[in-house]
Amino acid sequence: MLVTANRPGRLAAVSAAAALLTLTACASSTPQSSPPTVAPPANTIPTSTQPSNPGPAAKAPGPSSSVDAASTAGLPRPSHIVVVMEENHAAANILGNAAAPYINRLARAGASFTRSYAITHPSEPNYVALFSGSQQGLTDDSCPHTYHAANLGSQLRAAGKSFRGYSEGLPRAGYEGCTLGDYARRHVPWTDFANLPRSVNQPLTAFGSNYARLPRLSFVIPNLMHDMHNGTIAQGDTWLRQHLGGYVRWARAHNSLLVVTWDEDDTSHGNRIPTIIVGAHVKAGRYSEHVTHYRMLRTLEALERVAPLGNAAKTRPITDIWG
């Protein structure tokens, strides 16, 4: 048998339910105090820096990325930098050798790094590493190659600064042949990068003697007889004095620098090579810090206030030689 409540009792129940709903609505409209903020554990990223929808993985910083101001603090802003690459000699073969009087004079006048090392053997991967922060997978001296990665030249151009490479024996601007006489493209890394115009590849005759008109940064590549690859140490030393001596004298008084380094050693000294920086703002001395082609690239990038590339980003610029 179905039993039902009487009418007055049902009305009372409805009224009570309505009153409860009214109280609940009022309570929900009353502002509530926020719970105390709890700091995230030390090894986590604060929530405010994490996107609610991560989306695709972020790309690595490119050449236009901002430069860490702390890494460039105290560094000069050179008007011009010239980098000369020599070949196949260890520091022990050059520093203190009477056959290289001019290079040793530069070492005494500038910063000489006693623990400077190439990256690998043979030659070509070292040139590419110094120029782009990576060997780009290269392990031999083969030619030609085409790369699309960012590099020192493309960085400078993207920042509105000028870059050129000057090679002895290059028959004409933009030449892309692998060899011609004592010219070797494998020592001219900018020719391998498709993001650089052919016009950056210039013969040494375009270097000239009006140094104020040089690019912000340039490379000078002697031919195989004058970079000590095929010729003697004495030949290379004389060539450097004849072709860069005027620039060195000018650089000291005109806020500019010369870097002289070697691609690799002769495989007998653990790939320890001579590296010298001379010119304005440089404190003369022997420096025993560890330097590689990647760290030299990092230093060049810091001097030019462009972001580090590839393996150069894993190093710090040279900061203790500036005065």
C-alpha atoms as a PDB file:
ATOM      1  CA  MET A   1       0.000   0.000   0.000  1.00  0.00           C
ATOM      2  CA  LEU A   2       1.400   3.455  -0.966  1.00  0.00           C
ATOM      3  CA  VAL A   3       1.736   5.854   1.953  1.00  0.00           C
ATOM      4  CA  THR A   4       1.864   9.690   1.271  1.00  0.00           C
ATOM      5  CA  ALA A   5       2.689  12.613   3.545  1.00  0.00           C
ATOM      6  CA  ASN A   6      -0.111  15.040   4.425  1.00  0.00           C
ATOM      7  CA  ARG A   7      -0.343  18.370   2.521  1.00  0.00           C
ATOM      8  CA  PRO A   8       0.873  20.722   5.330  1.00  0.00           C
ATOM      9  CA  GLY A   9       3.983  18.548   5.788  1.00  0.00           C
ATOM     10  CA  ARG A  10       4.819  18.690   2.080  1.00  0.00           C
ATOM     11  CA  LEU A  11       4.537  22.506   2.039  1.00  0.00           C
ATOM     12  CA  ALA A  12       6.931  22.734   4.960  1.00  0.00           C
ATOM     13  CA  ALA A  13       9.470  20.562   3.228  1.00  0.00           C
ATOM     14  CA  VAL A  14       9.316  22.669   0.058  1.00  0.00           C
ATOM     15  CA  SER A  15       9.820  25.874   2.036  1.00  0.00           C
ATOM     16  CA  ALA A  16      12.822  24.445   3.835  1.00  0.00           C
ATOM     17  CA  ALA A  17      14.445  23.385   0.556  1.00  0.00           C
ATOM     18  CA  ALA A  18      13.900  26.840  -0.947  1.00  0.00           C
ATOM     19  CA  ALA A  19      15.513  28.480   2.055  1.00  0.00           C
ATOM     20  CA  LEU A  20      18.527  26.181   1.781  1.00  0.00           C
ATOM     21  CA  LEU A  21      18.999  27.005  -1.920  1.00  0.00           C
ATOM     22  CA  THR A  22      18.872  30.748  -1.134  1.00  0.00           C
ATOM     23  CA  LEU A  23      21.563  30.430   1.530  1.00  0.00           C
ATOM     24  CA  THR A  24      23.757  28.400  -0.814  1.00  0.00           C
ATOM     25  CA  ALA A  25      23.490  31.013  -3.582  1.00  0.00           C
ATOM     26  CA  CYS A  26      24.391  33.821  -1.196  1.00  0.00           C
ATOM     27  CA  ALA A  27      27.400  31.902   0.081  1.00  0.00           C
ATOM     28  CA  SER A  28      28.721  31.313  -3.459  1.00  0.00           C
ATOM     29  CA  SER A  29      28.537  35.034  -4.279  1.00  0.00           C
ATOM     30  CA  THR A  30      30.605  36.019  -1.233  1.00  0.00           C
ATOM     31  CA  PRO A  31      34.310  36.687  -2.151  1.00  0.00           C
ATOM     32  CA  GLN A  32      36.649  34.039  -0.809  1.00  0.00           C
ATOM     33  CA  SER A  33      40.174  34.731   0.367  1.00  0.00           C
ATOM     34  CA  SER A  34      42.833  33.233  -1.936  1.00  0.00           C
ATOM     35  CA  PRO A  35      44.833  30.329  -0.555  1.00  0.00           C
ATOM     36  CA  PRO A  36      48.453  31.185   0.290  1.00  0.00           C
ATOM     37  CA  THR A  37      50.876  30.919  -2.674  1.00  0.00           C
ATOM     38  CA  VAL A  38      53.222  27.986  -2.333  1.00  0.00           C
ATOM     39  CA  ALA A  39      56.641  28.434  -3.948  1.00  0.00           C
ATOM     40  CA  PRO A  40      57.561  25.684  -6.393  1.00  0.00           C
ATOM     41  CA  PRO A  41      60.380  23.332  -5.462  1.00  0.00           C
ATOM     42  CA  ALA A  42      63.819  24.672  -6.301  1.00  0.00           C
ATOM     43  CA  ASN A  43      64.282  22.278  -9.206  1.00  0.00           C
ATOM     44  CA  THR A  44      61.066  23.214 -11.032  1.00  0.00           C
ATOM     45  CA  ILE A  45      60.215  26.051 -13.388  1.00  0.00           C
ATOM     46  CA  PRO A  46      57.656  28.544 -11.972  1.00  0.00           C
ATOM     47  CA  THR A  47      54.197  27.895 -13.412  1.00  0.00           C
ATOM     48  CA  SER A  48      54.022  31.427 -14.832  1.00  0.00           C
ATOM     49  CA  THR A  49      56.820  30.594 -17.286  1.00  0.00           C
ATOM     50  CA  GLN A  50      55.165  27.437 -18.578  1.00  0.00           C
ATOM     51  CA  PRO A  51      52.595  27.810 -21.377  1.00  0.00           C
ATOM     52  CA  SER A  52      49.258  26.120 -20.725  1.00  0.00           C
ATOM     53  CA  ASN A  53      49.522  24.576 -24.173  1.00  0.00           C
ATOM     54  CA  PRO A  54      53.201  23.862 -24.946  1.00  0.00           C
ATOM     55  CA  GLY A  55      52.584  23.364 -28.663  1.00  0.00           C
ATOM     56  CA  PRO A  56      55.585  22.573 -30.885  1.00  0.00           C
ATOM     57  CA  ALA A  57      59.068  22.451 -29.362  1.00  0.00           C
ATOM     58  CA  ALA A  58      60.804  25.827 -29.333  1.00  0.00           C
ATOM     59  CA  LYS A  59      63.535  26.363 -31.916  1.00  0.00           C
ATOM     60  CA  ALA A  60      67.110  26.889 -30.825  1.00  0.00           C
ATOM     61  CA  PRO A  61      68.211  30.550 -30.812  1.00  0.00           C
ATOM     62  CA  GLY A  62      69.400  31.681 -34.235  1.00  0.00           C
ATOM     63  CA  PRO A  63      71.954  34.282 -35.275  1.00  0.00           C
ATOM     64  CA  SER A  64      69.607  37.138 -34.429  1.00  0.00           C
ATOM     65  CA  SER A  65      69.118  36.016 -30.801  1.00  0.00           C
ATOM     66  CA  SER A  66      69.970  38.561 -28.143  1.00  0.00           C
ATOM     67  CA  VAL A  67      73.458  38.514 -26.690  1.00  0.00           C
ATOM     68  CA  ASP A  68      74.078  37.841 -23.019  1.00  0.00           C
ATOM     69  CA  ALA A  69      75.229  41.233 -21.739  1.00  0.00           C
ATOM     70  CA  ALA A  70      77.243  39.646 -18.935  1.00  0.00           C
ATOM     71  CA  SER A  71      79.384  37.730 -21.430  1.00  0.00           C
ATOM     72  CA  THR A  72      80.356  40.898 -23.292  1.00  0.00           C
ATOM     73  CA  ALA A  73      80.912  43.146 -20.275  1.00  0.00           C
ATOM     74  CA  GLY A  74      84.346  44.746 -20.432  1.00  0.00           C
ATOM     75  CA  LEU A  75      85.021  43.676 -24.007  1.00  0.00           C
ATOM     76  CA  PRO A  76      86.120  46.309 -26.513  1.00  0.00           C
ATOM     77  CA  ARG A  77      84.171  47.106 -29.666  1.00  0.00           C
ATOM     78  CA  PRO A  78      86.815  46.838 -32.393  1.00  0.00           C
ATOM     79  CA  SER A  79      86.375  48.762 -35.614  1.00  0.00           C
ATOM     80  CA  HIS A  80      87.997  45.949 -37.596  1.00  0.00           C
ATOM     81  CA  ILE A  81      89.123  42.372 -36.934  1.00  0.00           C
ATOM     82  CA  VAL A  82      91.313  40.385 -39.315  1.00  0.00           C
ATOM     83  CA  VAL A  83      91.793  36.630 -38.791  1.00  0.00           C
ATOM     84  CA  VAL A  84      94.724  34.858 -40.481  1.00  0.00           C
ATOM     85  CA  MET A  85      94.772  31.050 -40.695  1.00  0.00           C
ATOM     86  CA  GLU A  86      98.073  29.224 -40.975  1.00  0.00           C
ATOM     87  CA  GLU A  87      98.617  25.497 -41.482  1.00  0.00           C
ATOM     88  CA  ASN A  88      99.801  22.281 -39.864  1.00  0.00           C
ATOM     89  CA  HIS A  89     102.221  23.397 -37.154  1.00  0.00           C
ATOM     90  CA  ALA A  90     102.239  22.915 -33.416  1.00  0.00           C
ATOM     91  CA  ALA A  91     102.950  25.688 -30.957  1.00  0.00           C
ATOM     92  CA  ALA A  92     106.287  24.011 -30.214  1.00  0.00           C
ATOM     93  CA  ASN A  93     107.232  24.369 -33.885  1.00  0.00           C
ATOM     94  CA  ILE A  94     106.554  28.114 -34.017  1.00  0.00           C
ATOM     95  CA  LEU A  95     106.873  29.839 -30.652  1.00  0.00           C
ATOM     96  CA  GLY A  96     110.525  30.439 -29.862  1.00  0.00           C
ATOM     97  CA  ASN A  97     111.615  29.302 -33.339  1.00  0.00           C
ATOM     98  CA  ALA A  98     114.232  31.594 -34.878  1.00  0.00           C
ATOM     99  CA  ALA A  99     112.785  30.805 -38.322  1.00  0.00           C
ATOM    100  CA  ALA A 100     109.643  32.784 -37.339  1.00  0.00           C
ATOM    101  CA  PRO A 101     110.968  36.101 -35.996  1.00  0.00           C
ATOM    102  CA  TYR A 102     107.928  38.157 -37.003  1.00  0.00           C
ATOM    103  CA  ILE A 103     105.358  35.787 -35.530  1.00  0.00           C
ATOM    104  CA  ASN A 104     107.321  35.656 -32.289  1.00  0.00           C
ATOM    105  CA  ARG A 105     107.425  39.440 -32.250  1.00  0.00           C
ATOM    106  CA  LEU A 106     103.639  39.451 -32.540  1.00  0.00           C
ATOM    107  CA  ALA A 107     103.437  36.920 -29.710  1.00  0.00           C
ATOM    108  CA  ARG A 108     105.487  39.197 -27.441  1.00  0.00           C
ATOM    109  CA  ALA A 109     103.484  42.281 -28.425  1.00  0.00           C
ATOM    110  CA  GLY A 110     100.086  40.657 -27.977  1.00  0.00           C
ATOM    111  CA  ALA A 111      98.278  37.865 -26.156  1.00  0.00           C
ATOM    112  CA  SER A 112      99.870  34.480 -26.849  1.00  0.00           C
ATOM    113  CA  PHE A 113      97.807  31.474 -25.794  1.00  0.00           C
ATOM    114  CA  THR A 114      99.990  28.595 -24.620  1.00  0.00           C
ATOM    115  CA  ARG A 115      97.121  26.095 -24.353  1.00  0.00           C
ATOM    116  CA  SER A 116      95.294  26.644 -27.630  1.00  0.00           C
ATOM    117  CA  TYR A 117      93.988  23.553 -29.421  1.00  0.00           C
ATOM    118  CA  ALA A 118      92.483  22.640 -32.766  1.00  0.00           C
ATOM    119  CA  ILE A 119      89.327  20.520 -32.843  1.00  0.00           C
ATOM    120  CA  THR A 120      90.323  17.569 -34.991  1.00  0.00           C
ATOM    121  CA  HIS A 121      92.354  16.338 -37.974  1.00  0.00           C
ATOM    122  CA  PRO A 122      92.609  16.954 -40.911  1.00  0.00           C
ATOM    123  CA  SER A 123      92.479  20.615 -41.901  1.00  0.00           C
ATOM    124  CA  GLU A 124      89.099  21.371 -43.419  1.00  0.00           C
ATOM    125  CA  PRO A 125      86.814  20.451 -40.483  1.00  0.00           C
ATOM    126  CA  ASN A 126      88.766  22.921 -38.322  1.00  0.00           C
ATOM    127  CA  TYR A 127      88.107  25.787 -40.724  1.00  0.00           C
ATOM    128  CA  VAL A 128      84.408  24.949 -40.825  1.00  0.00           C
ATOM    129  CA  ALA A 129      84.268  24.620 -37.021  1.00  0.00           C
ATOM    130  CA  LEU A 130      85.881  28.009 -36.439  1.00  0.00           C
ATOM    131  CA  PHE A 131      83.541  29.606 -38.963  1.00  0.00           C
ATOM    132  CA  SER A 132      80.230  27.999 -37.947  1.00  0.00           C
ATOM    133  CA  GLY A 133      80.528  26.416 -34.502  1.00  0.00           C
ATOM    134  CA  SER A 134      80.267  22.917 -35.958  1.00  0.00           C
ATOM    135  CA  GLN A 135      82.157  20.596 -38.263  1.00  0.00           C
ATOM    136  CA  GLN A 136      78.856  20.211 -40.159  1.00  0.00           C
ATOM    137  CA  GLY A 137      79.505  16.458 -40.264  1.00  0.00           C
ATOM    138  CA  LEU A 138      82.761  16.936 -42.180  1.00  0.00           C
ATOM    139  CA  THR A 139      85.616  14.554 -41.319  1.00  0.00           C
ATOM    140  CA  ASP A 140      87.976  14.927 -44.294  1.00  0.00           C
ATOM    141  CA  ASP A 141      89.423  17.435 -46.767  1.00  0.00           C
ATOM    142  CA  SER A 142      86.912  16.764 -49.545  1.00  0.00           C
ATOM    143  CA  CYS A 143      85.517  19.433 -51.845  1.00  0.00           C
ATOM    144  CA  PRO A 144      83.062  20.906 -52.692  1.00  0.00           C
ATOM    145  CA  HIS A 145      80.397  21.086 -49.985  1.00  0.00           C
ATOM    146  CA  THR A 146      77.227  23.103 -49.556  1.00  0.00           C
ATOM    147  CA  TYR A 147      75.879  23.954 -46.098  1.00  0.00           C
ATOM    148  CA  HIS A 148      72.855  25.995 -45.091  1.00  0.00           C
ATOM    149  CA  ALA A 149      73.666  26.513 -41.415  1.00  0.00           C
ATOM    150  CA  ALA A 150      74.192  29.897 -39.795  1.00  0.00           C
ATOM    151  CA  ASN A 151      77.823  30.982 -39.661  1.00  0.00           C
ATOM    152  CA  LEU A 152      79.948  33.915 -38.597  1.00  0.00           C
ATOM    153  CA  GLY A 153      79.546  35.641 -41.962  1.00  0.00           C
ATOM    154  CA  SER A 154      75.759  35.266 -42.051  1.00  0.00           C
ATOM    155  CA  GLN A 155      75.520  36.425 -38.420  1.00  0.00           C
ATOM    156  CA  LEU A 156      77.423  39.604 -39.121  1.00  0.00           C
ATOM    157  CA  ARG A 157      75.425  40.375 -42.240  1.00  0.00           C
ATOM    158  CA  ALA A 158      72.138  39.782 -40.391  1.00  0.00           C
ATOM    159  CA  ALA A 159      73.314  42.268 -37.757  1.00  0.00           C
ATOM    160  CA  GLY A 160      74.057  44.882 -40.425  1.00  0.00           C
ATOM    161  CA  LYS A 161      77.830  44.370 -40.225  1.00  0.00           C
ATOM    162  CA  SER A 162      80.226  43.563 -43.034  1.00  0.00           C
ATOM    163  CA  PHE A 163      82.188  40.373 -43.666  1.00  0.00           C
ATOM    164  CA  ARG A 164      84.593  39.216 -46.368  1.00  0.00           C
ATOM    165  CA  GLY A 165      87.190  36.534 -46.898  1.00  0.00           C
ATOM    166  CA  TYR A 166      90.406  37.300 -48.806  1.00  0.00           C
ATOM    167  CA  SER A 167      92.300  34.379 -50.317  1.00  0.00           C
ATOM    168  CA  GLU A 168      95.692  34.415 -51.978  1.00  0.00           C
ATOM    169  CA  GLY A 169      95.536  32.867 -55.435  1.00  0.00           C
ATOM    170  CA  LEU A 170      91.775  33.228 -55.853  1.00  0.00           C
ATOM    171  CA  PRO A 171      91.503  34.101 -59.560  1.00  0.00           C
ATOM    172  CA  ARG A 172      88.405  36.295 -59.231  1.00  0.00           C
ATOM    173  CA  ALA A 173      85.705  37.255 -56.771  1.00  0.00           C
ATOM    174  CA  GLY A 174      83.181  34.485 -56.193  1.00  0.00           C
ATOM    175  CA  TYR A 175      85.314  31.727 -57.702  1.00  0.00           C
ATOM    176  CA  GLU A 176      84.025  28.315 -56.560  1.00  0.00           C
ATOM    177  CA  GLY A 177      86.621  25.908 -57.933  1.00  0.00           C
ATOM    178  CA  CYS A 178      88.259  23.520 -55.487  1.00  0.00           C
ATOM    179  CA  THR A 179      91.882  24.126 -56.505  1.00  0.00           C
ATOM    180  CA  LEU A 180      93.860  26.390 -58.776  1.00  0.00           C
ATOM    181  CA  GLY A 181      97.635  26.445 -58.471  1.00  0.00           C
ATOM    182  CA  ASP A 182      98.382  26.930 -54.768  1.00  0.00           C
ATOM    183  CA  TYR A 183      94.833  28.057 -53.965  1.00  0.00           C
ATOM    184  CA  ALA A 184      92.699  25.527 -52.042  1.00  0.00           C
ATOM    185  CA  ARG A 185      88.983  26.017 -51.467  1.00  0.00           C
ATOM    186  CA  ARG A 186      89.085  23.604 -48.515  1.00  0.00           C
ATOM    187  CA  HIS A 187      90.779  26.406 -46.552  1.00  0.00           C
ATOM    188  CA  VAL A 188      88.073  28.916 -47.477  1.00  0.00           C
ATOM    189  CA  PRO A 189      84.960  27.865 -45.514  1.00  0.00           C
ATOM    190  CA  TRP A 190      82.638  30.715 -46.531  1.00  0.00           C
ATOM    191  CA  THR A 191      82.514  29.297 -50.056  1.00  0.00           C
ATOM    192  CA  ASP A 192      80.629  26.288 -48.638  1.00  0.00           C
ATOM    193  CA  PHE A 193      77.694  28.219 -47.150  1.00  0.00           C
ATOM    194  CA  ALA A 194      74.733  28.885 -49.430  1.00  0.00           C
ATOM    195  CA  ASN A 195      73.442  31.697 -47.201  1.00  0.00           C
ATOM    196  CA  LEU A 196      76.403  33.907 -48.122  1.00  0.00           C
ATOM    197  CA  PRO A 197      76.641  35.720 -51.454  1.00  0.00           C
ATOM    198  CA  ARG A 198      79.557  34.898 -53.715  1.00  0.00           C
ATOM    199  CA  SER A 199      80.704  38.507 -53.371  1.00  0.00           C
ATOM    200  CA  VAL A 200      82.093  37.856 -49.864  1.00  0.00           C
ATOM    201  CA  ASN A 201      84.720  35.596 -51.457  1.00  0.00           C
ATOM    202  CA  GLN A 202      87.460  37.976 -52.595  1.00  0.00           C
ATOM    203  CA  PRO A 203      91.031  37.629 -53.889  1.00  0.00           C
ATOM    204  CA  LEU A 204      93.791  38.863 -51.595  1.00  0.00           C
ATOM    205  CA  THR A 205      94.484  41.715 -54.005  1.00  0.00           C
ATOM    206  CA  ALA A 206      91.196  43.274 -52.838  1.00  0.00           C
ATOM    207  CA  PHE A 207      92.487  43.547 -49.255  1.00  0.00           C
ATOM    208  CA  GLY A 208      94.426  46.663 -50.184  1.00  0.00           C
ATOM    209  CA  SER A 209      96.259  49.097 -47.909  1.00  0.00           C
ATOM    210  CA  ASN A 210      93.422  51.459 -46.990  1.00  0.00           C
ATOM    211  CA  TYR A 211      92.629  49.540 -43.823  1.00  0.00           C
ATOM    212  CA  ALA A 212      89.853  51.901 -42.745  1.00  0.00           C
ATOM    213  CA  ARG A 213      87.801  50.513 -45.634  1.00  0.00           C
ATOM    214  CA  LEU A 214      88.107  46.888 -44.500  1.00  0.00           C
ATOM    215  CA  PRO A 215      84.963  45.038 -43.359  1.00  0.00           C
ATOM    216  CA  ARG A 216      84.136  44.789 -39.668  1.00  0.00           C
ATOM    217  CA  LEU A 217      85.531  41.253 -39.725  1.00  0.00           C
ATOM    218  CA  SER A 218      87.525  39.486 -42.390  1.00  0.00           C
ATOM    219  CA  PHE A 219      89.621  36.373 -42.891  1.00  0.00           C
ATOM    220  CA  VAL A 220      92.913  36.292 -44.790  1.00  0.00           C
ATOM    221  CA  ILE A 221      93.983  32.926 -46.216  1.00  0.00           C
ATOM    222  CA  PRO A 222      97.542  32.573 -47.595  1.00  0.00           C
ATOM    223  CA  ASN A 223      98.094  30.064 -50.374  1.00  0.00           C
ATOM    224  CA  LEU A 224      99.596  26.613 -49.748  1.00  0.00           C
ATOM    225  CA  MET A 225     103.165  27.884 -50.079  1.00  0.00           C
ATOM    226  CA  HIS A 226     102.693  30.784 -47.669  1.00  0.00           C
ATOM    227  CA  ASP A 227     100.484  29.209 -44.979  1.00  0.00           C
ATOM    228  CA  MET A 228     103.279  26.721 -44.078  1.00  0.00           C
ATOM    229  CA  HIS A 229     101.354  23.782 -45.584  1.00  0.00           C
ATOM    230  CA  ASN A 230     103.732  23.281 -48.515  1.00  0.00           C
ATOM    231  CA  GLY A 231     106.219  26.058 -47.834  1.00  0.00           C
ATOM    232  CA  THR A 232     108.584  26.540 -44.909  1.00  0.00           C
ATOM    233  CA  ILE A 233     108.005  28.275 -41.586  1.00  0.00           C
ATOM    234  CA  ALA A 234     110.379  31.025 -42.702  1.00  0.00           C
ATOM    235  CA  GLN A 235     108.409  31.567 -45.918  1.00  0.00           C
ATOM    236  CA  GLY A 236     105.149  31.835 -43.992  1.00  0.00           C
ATOM    237  CA  ASP A 237     106.657  34.214 -41.451  1.00  0.00           C
ATOM    238  CA  THR A 238     108.048  36.520 -44.142  1.00  0.00           C
ATOM    239  CA  TRP A 239     104.750  36.493 -46.041  1.00  0.00           C
ATOM    240  CA  LEU A 240     102.815  37.455 -42.904  1.00  0.00           C
ATOM    241  CA  ARG A 241     105.128  40.388 -42.207  1.00  0.00           C
ATOM    242  CA  GLN A 242     104.964  41.611 -45.789  1.00  0.00           C
ATOM    243  CA  HIS A 243     101.178  41.348 -46.145  1.00  0.00           C
ATOM    244  CA  LEU A 244      99.867  42.061 -42.633  1.00  0.00           C
ATOM    245  CA  GLY A 245     102.662  44.081 -41.031  1.00  0.00           C
ATOM    246  CA  GLY A 246     101.183  47.368 -42.208  1.00  0.00           C
ATOM    247  CA  TYR A 247      97.766  46.438 -40.897  1.00  0.00           C
ATOM    248  CA  VAL A 248      99.203  45.492 -37.467  1.00  0.00           C
ATOM    249  CA  ARG A 249     100.898  48.871 -37.107  1.00  0.00           C
ATOM    250  CA  TRP A 250      97.707  50.633 -38.166  1.00  0.00           C
ATOM    251  CA  ALA A 251      95.442  48.480 -35.964  1.00  0.00           C
ATOM    252  CA  ARG A 252      97.096  49.475 -32.700  1.00  0.00           C
ATOM    253  CA  ALA A 253      96.196  53.111 -33.255  1.00  0.00           C
ATOM    254  CA  HIS A 254      92.806  52.520 -34.871  1.00  0.00           C
ATOM    255  CA  ASN A 255      90.829  50.314 -32.483  1.00  0.00           C
ATOM    256  CA  SER A 256      91.424  47.154 -34.513  1.00  0.00           C
ATOM    257  CA  LEU A 257      92.735  43.611 -34.014  1.00  0.00           C
ATOM    258  CA  LEU A 258      94.668  40.840 -35.726  1.00  0.00           C
ATOM    259  CA  VAL A 259      94.151  37.181 -34.833  1.00  0.00           C
ATOM    260  CA  VAL A 260      96.722  34.653 -36.065  1.00  0.00           C
ATOM    261  CA  THR A 261      95.970  30.968 -35.510  1.00  0.00           C
ATOM    262  CA  TRP A 262      96.608  27.567 -37.081  1.00  0.00           C
ATOM    263  CA  ASP A 263      94.116  25.031 -38.349  1.00  0.00           C
ATOM    264  CA  GLU A 264      95.805  22.040 -36.665  1.00  0.00           C
ATOM    265  CA  ASP A 265      99.202  20.827 -35.518  1.00  0.00           C
ATOM    266  CA  ASP A 266     101.452  18.345 -37.301  1.00  0.00           C
ATOM    267  CA  THR A 267      99.821  15.418 -35.392  1.00  0.00           C
ATOM    268  CA  SER A 268     102.775  15.180 -32.985  1.00  0.00           C
ATOM    269  CA  HIS A 269     101.817  17.548 -30.129  1.00  0.00           C
ATOM    270  CA  GLY A 270      98.227  16.729 -29.128  1.00  0.00           C
ATOM    271  CA  ASN A 271      96.852  19.291 -31.603  1.00  0.00           C
ATOM    272  CA  ARG A 272      98.187  22.216 -29.559  1.00  0.00           C
ATOM    273  CA  ILE A 273      98.597  25.181 -31.899  1.00  0.00           C
ATOM    274  CA  PRO A 274      99.845  28.773 -31.696  1.00  0.00           C
ATOM    275  CA  THR A 275      97.147  31.422 -31.335  1.00  0.00           C
ATOM    276  CA  ILE A 276      97.933  35.134 -31.027  1.00  0.00           C
ATOM    277  CA  ILE A 277      95.745  38.228 -30.692  1.00  0.00           C
ATOM    278  CA  VAL A 278      97.462  41.571 -31.184  1.00  0.00           C
ATOM    279  CA  GLY A 279      96.288  45.154 -31.576  1.00  0.00           C
ATOM    280  CA  ALA A 280      94.298  47.775 -29.717  1.00  0.00           C
ATOM    281  CA  HIS A 281      93.236  47.065 -26.101  1.00  0.00           C
ATOM    282  CA  VAL A 282      95.275  43.845 -25.864  1.00  0.00           C
ATOM    283  CA  LYS A 283      97.417  43.326 -22.765  1.00  0.00           C
ATOM    284  CA  ALA A 284     100.654  41.654 -23.853  1.00  0.00           C
ATOM    285  CA  GLY A 285     101.453  38.381 -22.146  1.00  0.00           C
ATOM    286  CA  ARG A 286     101.383  34.617 -22.208  1.00  0.00           C
ATOM    287  CA  TYR A 287      97.974  33.221 -21.288  1.00  0.00           C
ATOM    288  CA  SER A 288      97.589  29.617 -20.163  1.00  0.00           C
ATOM    289  CA  GLU A 289      93.795  29.308 -20.307  1.00  0.00           C
ATOM    290  CA  HIS A 290      92.281  26.608 -22.497  1.00  0.00           C
ATOM    291  CA  VAL A 291      91.342  27.909 -25.962  1.00  0.00           C
ATOM    292  CA  THR A 292      89.848  26.062 -28.926  1.00  0.00           C
ATOM    293  CA  HIS A 293      88.520  27.100 -32.315  1.00  0.00           C
ATOM    294  CA  TYR A 294      85.056  27.140 -30.763  1.00  0.00           C
ATOM    295  CA  ARG A 295      86.173  29.473 -28.001  1.00  0.00           C
ATOM    296  CA  MET A 296      87.860  31.732 -30.518  1.00  0.00           C
ATOM    297  CA  LEU A 297      84.602  31.863 -32.498  1.00  0.00           C
ATOM    298  CA  ARG A 298      82.767  32.683 -29.255  1.00  0.00           C
ATOM    299  CA  THR A 299      85.203  35.535 -28.637  1.00  0.00           C
ATOM    300  CA  LEU A 300      84.802  36.951 -32.140  1.00  0.00           C
ATOM    301  CA  GLU A 301      81.021  36.792 -31.762  1.00  0.00           C
ATOM    302  CA  ALA A 302      81.164  38.509 -28.377  1.00  0.00           C
ATOM    303  CA  LEU A 303      83.392  41.273 -29.732  1.00  0.00           C
ATOM    304  CA  GLU A 304      80.820  41.825 -32.482  1.00  0.00           C
ATOM    305  CA  ARG A 305      77.840  41.446 -30.086  1.00  0.00           C
ATOM    306  CA  VAL A 306      76.208  38.592 -31.979  1.00  0.00           C
ATOM    307  CA  ALA A 307      74.868  35.416 -30.360  1.00  0.00           C
ATOM    308  CA  PRO A 308      77.084  32.318 -30.169  1.00  0.00           C
ATOM    309  CA  LEU A 309      76.602  29.503 -32.663  1.00  0.00           C
ATOM    310  CA  GLY A 310      76.628  25.759 -32.088  1.00  0.00           C
ATOM    311  CA  ASN A 311      79.509  24.551 -29.949  1.00  0.00           C
ATOM    312  CA  ALA A 312      80.703  28.108 -29.421  1.00  0.00           C
ATOM    313  CA  ALA A 313      77.658  28.587 -27.175  1.00  0.00           C
ATOM    314  CA  LYS A 314      79.111  25.974 -24.797  1.00  0.00           C
ATOM    315  CA  THR A 315      82.181  28.134 -24.134  1.00  0.00           C
ATOM    316  CA  ARG A 316      82.843  31.598 -22.733  1.00  0.00           C
ATOM    317  CA  PRO A 317      84.575  34.437 -24.590  1.00  0.00           C
ATOM    318  CA  ILE A 318      88.147  35.360 -23.749  1.00  0.00           C
ATOM    319  CA  THR A 319      87.872  38.302 -21.339  1.00  0.00           C
ATOM    320  CA  ASP A 320      91.167  38.572 -19.437  1.00  0.00           C
ATOM    321  CA  ILE A 321      93.423  39.953 -22.180  1.00  0.00           C
ATOM    322  CA  TRP A 322      91.720  43.324 -22.621  1.00  0.00           C
ATOM    323  CA  GLY A 323      93.045  46.477 -21.043  1.00  0.00           C
END
